[in-house]
Protein backbone atom coordinates (compact mmCIF):
# COMPACT_ATOMS: atom_id res chain seq x y z
CA UNK A 1 0.08 -0.19 0.06
CA UNK A 2 1.34 3.50 -0.82
CA UNK A 3 2.88 5.70 1.74
CA UNK A 4 4.68 8.95 1.64
CA UNK A 5 6.86 11.22 3.52
CA UNK A 6 6.49 15.00 3.56
CA UNK A 7 8.93 17.49 4.57
CA UNK A 8 7.83 20.45 6.50
CA UNK A 9 10.74 22.41 8.13
CA UNK A 10 13.90 21.57 10.13
CA UNK A 11 12.81 18.13 12.01
CA UNK A 12 9.05 18.20 11.14
CA UNK A 13 8.05 15.70 8.91
CA UNK A 14 4.88 13.95 8.00
CA UNK A 15 4.61 10.20 7.21
CA UNK A 16 1.14 9.27 5.71
CA UNK A 17 0.31 5.41 5.29
CA UNK A 18 -2.70 3.37 5.32
CA UNK A 19 -5.01 6.19 6.07
CA UNK A 20 -2.85 7.56 9.08
CA UNK A 21 -1.00 10.64 9.42
CA UNK A 22 2.13 10.90 11.57
CA UNK A 23 3.47 14.43 12.54
CA UNK A 24 6.72 14.62 13.95
CA UNK A 25 8.22 17.54 15.95
CA UNK A 26 6.14 20.47 14.80
CA UNK A 27 7.99 23.58 16.05
CA UNK A 28 6.89 26.69 17.83
CA UNK A 29 5.94 29.76 15.36
CA UNK A 30 9.48 31.41 15.65
CA UNK A 31 11.12 28.09 14.10
CA UNK A 32 8.17 27.49 11.33
CA UNK A 33 8.32 29.60 8.18
CA UNK A 34 4.69 30.56 6.98
CA UNK A 35 4.95 28.19 3.80
CA UNK A 36 5.76 25.53 6.00
CA UNK A 37 2.84 26.11 8.26
CA UNK A 38 0.51 25.99 5.49
CA UNK A 39 1.98 22.73 3.89
CA UNK A 40 1.48 21.08 7.25
CA UNK A 41 -2.22 22.46 7.55
CA UNK A 42 -2.92 21.31 3.94
CA UNK A 43 -2.07 17.55 5.03
CA UNK A 44 -3.29 17.60 8.51
CA UNK A 45 -6.99 18.98 7.30
CA UNK A 46 -9.24 15.88 7.99
CA UNK A 47 -6.36 13.49 8.91
CA UNK A 48 -6.30 10.59 11.15
CA UNK A 49 -3.65 12.19 13.08
CA UNK A 50 -0.77 11.16 15.60
CA UNK A 51 1.26 13.79 16.78
CA UNK A 52 4.71 12.74 18.26
CA UNK A 53 7.01 15.11 20.09
CA UNK A 54 10.31 14.07 20.86
CA UNK A 55 11.17 16.67 23.24
CA UNK A 56 10.44 20.23 24.44
CA UNK A 57 13.01 22.62 22.60
CA UNK A 58 10.91 25.23 20.95
CA UNK A 59 12.44 24.08 17.53
CA UNK A 60 10.63 20.78 18.00
CA UNK A 61 7.50 21.45 19.88
CA UNK A 62 5.01 23.96 19.69
CA UNK A 63 3.05 24.82 23.01
CA UNK A 64 0.25 25.67 21.01
CA UNK A 65 0.17 22.14 19.44
CA UNK A 66 -3.65 21.81 19.80
CA UNK A 67 -4.46 24.81 17.77
CA UNK A 68 -1.77 24.08 15.21
CA UNK A 69 -3.44 20.31 14.56
CA UNK A 70 -7.38 21.66 14.96
CA UNK A 71 -8.01 20.72 11.35
CA UNK A 72 -7.44 17.17 11.79
CA UNK A 73 -10.44 14.83 11.84
CA UNK A 74 -8.98 12.81 15.00
CA UNK A 75 -6.00 13.38 17.17
CA UNK A 76 -3.83 11.38 19.37
CA UNK A 77 -0.40 12.84 20.91
CA UNK A 78 2.60 10.91 21.92
CA UNK A 79 4.89 12.99 23.77
CA UNK A 80 8.40 12.43 25.84
CA UNK A 81 8.06 12.81 29.56
CA UNK A 82 9.77 16.45 29.41
CA UNK A 83 7.14 17.69 27.23
CA UNK A 84 4.47 16.35 29.63
CA UNK A 85 6.42 17.70 32.57
CA UNK A 86 6.68 21.20 30.95
CA UNK A 87 3.34 21.40 28.84
CA UNK A 88 1.13 18.74 30.22
CA UNK A 89 -1.63 21.57 30.95
CA UNK A 90 -1.87 22.20 27.04
CA UNK A 91 -2.16 18.55 26.27
CA UNK A 92 -5.37 16.29 26.25
CA UNK A 93 -5.93 14.01 29.29
CA UNK A 94 -5.33 11.07 27.06
CA UNK A 95 -1.95 12.02 25.65
CA UNK A 96 0.39 9.10 25.95
CA UNK A 97 3.56 10.13 27.94
CA UNK A 98 6.78 7.95 26.92
CA UNK A 99 9.69 7.34 28.73
CA UNK A 100 13.10 5.64 27.77
CA UNK A 101 12.65 1.92 27.08
CA UNK A 102 8.91 2.14 27.28
CA UNK A 103 6.82 0.20 24.73
CA UNK A 104 3.02 1.26 24.10
CA UNK A 105 0.33 0.24 21.63
CA UNK A 106 -0.93 3.40 20.27
CA UNK A 107 -3.97 3.62 17.58
CA UNK A 108 -2.83 0.41 16.03
CA UNK A 109 0.93 1.26 16.13
CA UNK A 110 3.65 -0.08 18.51
CA UNK A 111 5.66 2.90 19.90
CA UNK A 112 9.13 2.52 21.59
CA UNK A 113 10.92 5.41 23.38
CA UNK A 114 14.81 5.52 23.12
CA UNK A 115 16.61 7.49 25.58
CA UNK A 116 18.17 10.69 23.70
CA UNK A 117 21.72 12.10 24.40
CA UNK A 118 20.40 15.52 24.49
CA UNK A 119 16.96 15.74 25.76
CA UNK A 120 13.83 13.52 25.52
CA UNK A 121 13.56 10.66 23.32
CA UNK A 122 13.91 9.07 20.04
CA UNK A 123 11.08 6.65 18.77
CA UNK A 124 11.03 3.30 16.83
CA UNK A 125 7.43 2.88 15.41
CA UNK A 126 5.65 -0.01 13.84
CA UNK A 127 2.89 1.43 11.53
CA UNK A 128 1.28 0.10 8.41
CA UNK A 129 3.86 -2.76 7.97
CA UNK A 130 6.75 -0.25 8.18
CA UNK A 131 9.46 0.12 10.81
CA UNK A 132 10.15 3.74 11.46
CA UNK A 133 12.97 5.49 13.26
CA UNK A 134 12.53 9.05 14.30
CA UNK A 135 15.42 10.35 16.00
CA UNK A 136 14.41 13.73 17.48
CA UNK A 137 18.00 15.05 18.92
CA UNK A 138 19.54 11.84 19.35
CA UNK A 139 22.64 12.14 17.31
CA UNK A 140 26.38 12.13 17.37
CA UNK A 141 26.88 15.78 18.93
CA UNK A 142 30.63 15.81 18.71
CA UNK A 143 30.98 19.63 18.88
CA UNK A 144 34.63 20.88 18.37
CA UNK A 145 34.53 22.75 21.72
CA UNK A 146 33.67 19.53 23.67
CA UNK A 147 36.27 18.20 25.93
CA UNK A 148 37.48 14.75 24.48
CA UNK A 149 35.89 12.81 27.41
CA UNK A 150 32.54 14.58 26.39
CA UNK A 151 32.89 13.56 23.00
CA UNK A 152 33.72 10.10 24.00
CA UNK A 153 30.57 9.91 26.01
CA UNK A 154 28.35 11.30 23.45
CA UNK A 155 30.02 8.70 20.82
CA UNK A 156 29.22 6.09 23.28
CA UNK A 157 25.62 7.00 23.90
CA UNK A 158 25.15 7.18 20.04
CA UNK A 159 26.64 4.01 18.98
CA UNK A 160 24.48 2.11 21.75
CA UNK A 161 21.68 3.49 20.13
CA UNK A 162 22.76 2.11 16.86
CA UNK A 163 23.24 -1.27 18.03
CA UNK A 164 19.81 -1.27 19.56
CA UNK A 165 18.28 -0.22 16.28
CA UNK A 166 20.16 -2.64 14.46
CA UNK A 167 18.40 -5.71 16.19
CA UNK A 168 15.82 -5.40 13.36
CA UNK A 169 15.60 -3.82 9.56
CA UNK A 170 14.18 -0.14 9.33
CA UNK A 171 12.09 0.88 6.38
CA UNK A 172 12.53 4.88 7.15
CA UNK A 173 14.83 6.85 9.17
CA UNK A 174 14.52 10.24 10.33
CA UNK A 175 17.75 11.44 11.81
CA UNK A 176 19.95 14.54 12.22
CA UNK A 177 22.49 15.60 9.64
CA UNK A 178 23.59 18.77 11.22
CA UNK A 179 25.88 20.82 8.85
CA UNK A 180 27.55 22.56 11.54
CA UNK A 181 29.23 19.44 12.29
CA UNK A 182 30.89 18.91 8.99
CA UNK A 183 33.23 15.74 9.89
CA UNK A 184 30.40 13.75 11.36
CA UNK A 185 27.43 15.34 10.05
CA UNK A 186 26.17 14.51 13.62
CA UNK A 187 26.19 10.63 12.73
CA UNK A 188 24.26 10.64 9.76
CA UNK A 189 26.72 8.55 7.46
CA UNK A 190 27.33 6.34 10.22
CA UNK A 191 23.68 5.54 10.91
CA UNK A 192 23.31 4.88 6.99
CA UNK A 193 26.27 2.58 6.94
CA UNK A 194 25.31 0.48 10.01
CA UNK A 195 21.40 0.34 9.55
CA UNK A 196 21.07 0.56 5.79
CA UNK A 197 17.16 1.85 5.94
CA UNK A 198 15.10 1.72 2.74
CA UNK A 199 14.47 5.33 2.86
CA UNK A 200 16.21 8.01 4.65
CA UNK A 201 15.08 11.57 5.52
CA UNK A 202 17.83 14.03 6.98
CA UNK A 203 16.82 16.46 9.62
CA UNK A 204 18.14 19.47 11.67
CA UNK A 205 18.82 21.74 8.77
CA UNK A 206 17.22 24.78 10.04
CA UNK A 207 15.60 25.22 6.53
CA UNK A 208 19.09 25.41 5.19
CA UNK A 209 18.14 22.52 2.37
CA UNK A 210 21.21 23.48 0.05
CA UNK A 211 23.25 21.23 2.37
CA UNK A 212 21.33 18.06 1.16
CA UNK A 213 22.90 18.53 -2.25
CA UNK A 214 26.22 19.38 -0.80
CA UNK A 215 26.35 16.22 1.18
CA UNK A 216 24.16 13.94 -1.02
CA UNK A 217 27.27 12.02 -1.72
CA UNK A 218 28.26 11.42 1.69
CA UNK A 219 24.73 10.16 2.21
CA UNK A 220 24.51 7.70 -0.71
CA UNK A 221 24.31 3.98 -0.05
CA UNK A 222 23.01 1.08 -2.04
CA UNK A 223 19.52 0.27 -1.27
CA UNK A 224 18.78 3.35 0.40
CA UNK A 225 16.59 6.25 -1.14
CA UNK A 226 17.62 9.53 0.03
CA UNK A 227 14.79 12.27 0.42
CA UNK A 228 16.26 15.11 -1.15
CA UNK A 229 13.46 17.64 -0.54
CA UNK A 230 13.65 21.39 -1.45
CA UNK A 231 10.64 23.28 0.15
CA UNK A 232 8.10 22.78 2.55
CA UNK A 233 5.66 20.44 1.23
CA UNK A 234 7.90 18.29 -0.91
CA UNK A 235 6.81 14.54 -0.86
CA UNK A 236 8.88 11.36 -1.38
CA UNK A 237 6.28 8.54 -2.42
CA UNK A 238 7.26 5.03 -1.03
CA UNK A 239 5.34 2.75 -3.53
CA UNK A 240 6.56 -0.49 -2.15
CA UNK A 241 5.14 -0.39 1.30
CA UNK A 242 3.68 -3.39 2.43
CA UNK A 243 -0.15 -3.86 2.83
CA UNK A 244 -1.27 -3.14 6.23
């Protein structure tokens, strides 16, 4: 059954599959250009929607998320525990609060929380016959200003996560490819090399999509289709998705 990925902005994407719409890390208005907000709204209208929030940073979570998603026909919310701690008062009472290593059945999906090495969670999701990884801010944050010990620690946590994810094949991976970390690209090439997802969506570009072309060769892997989006609302079709 066909599925599709939709780029909105930064780490905000949609996955549409088997009549379900998954919205990831919709940011606060200061981090969301008008064109991106319009693109999201056009896909959310009338949708059977599940909203995922990986953590509470403003570039990943909009405190007014209820208004932003009001056009959906139905809504479920899956949020990290730090989002619930800070913004529980704006969430509906049936919001699913995830913690590291928690596995929950949500709206016909299996959702697993994976601890981030920044804040909040990454998610592994089984939906419509697809296994999907959404990394949030779990990445190889090997900033040049870090101490050697700090970079060793972040590298160890990153590779523990990759080992966990390698337990079974991934169909779709959303992970950060931060261009400020030109040497490691915050771990994206390493994830691709180890996990070989069938589809890969780079994130955390802050709208600077030109870097996708600049680094496309470093992200190329046999058997993996790279989502080379250029503007909000761009779509990558997944025509070989299994039947639900």
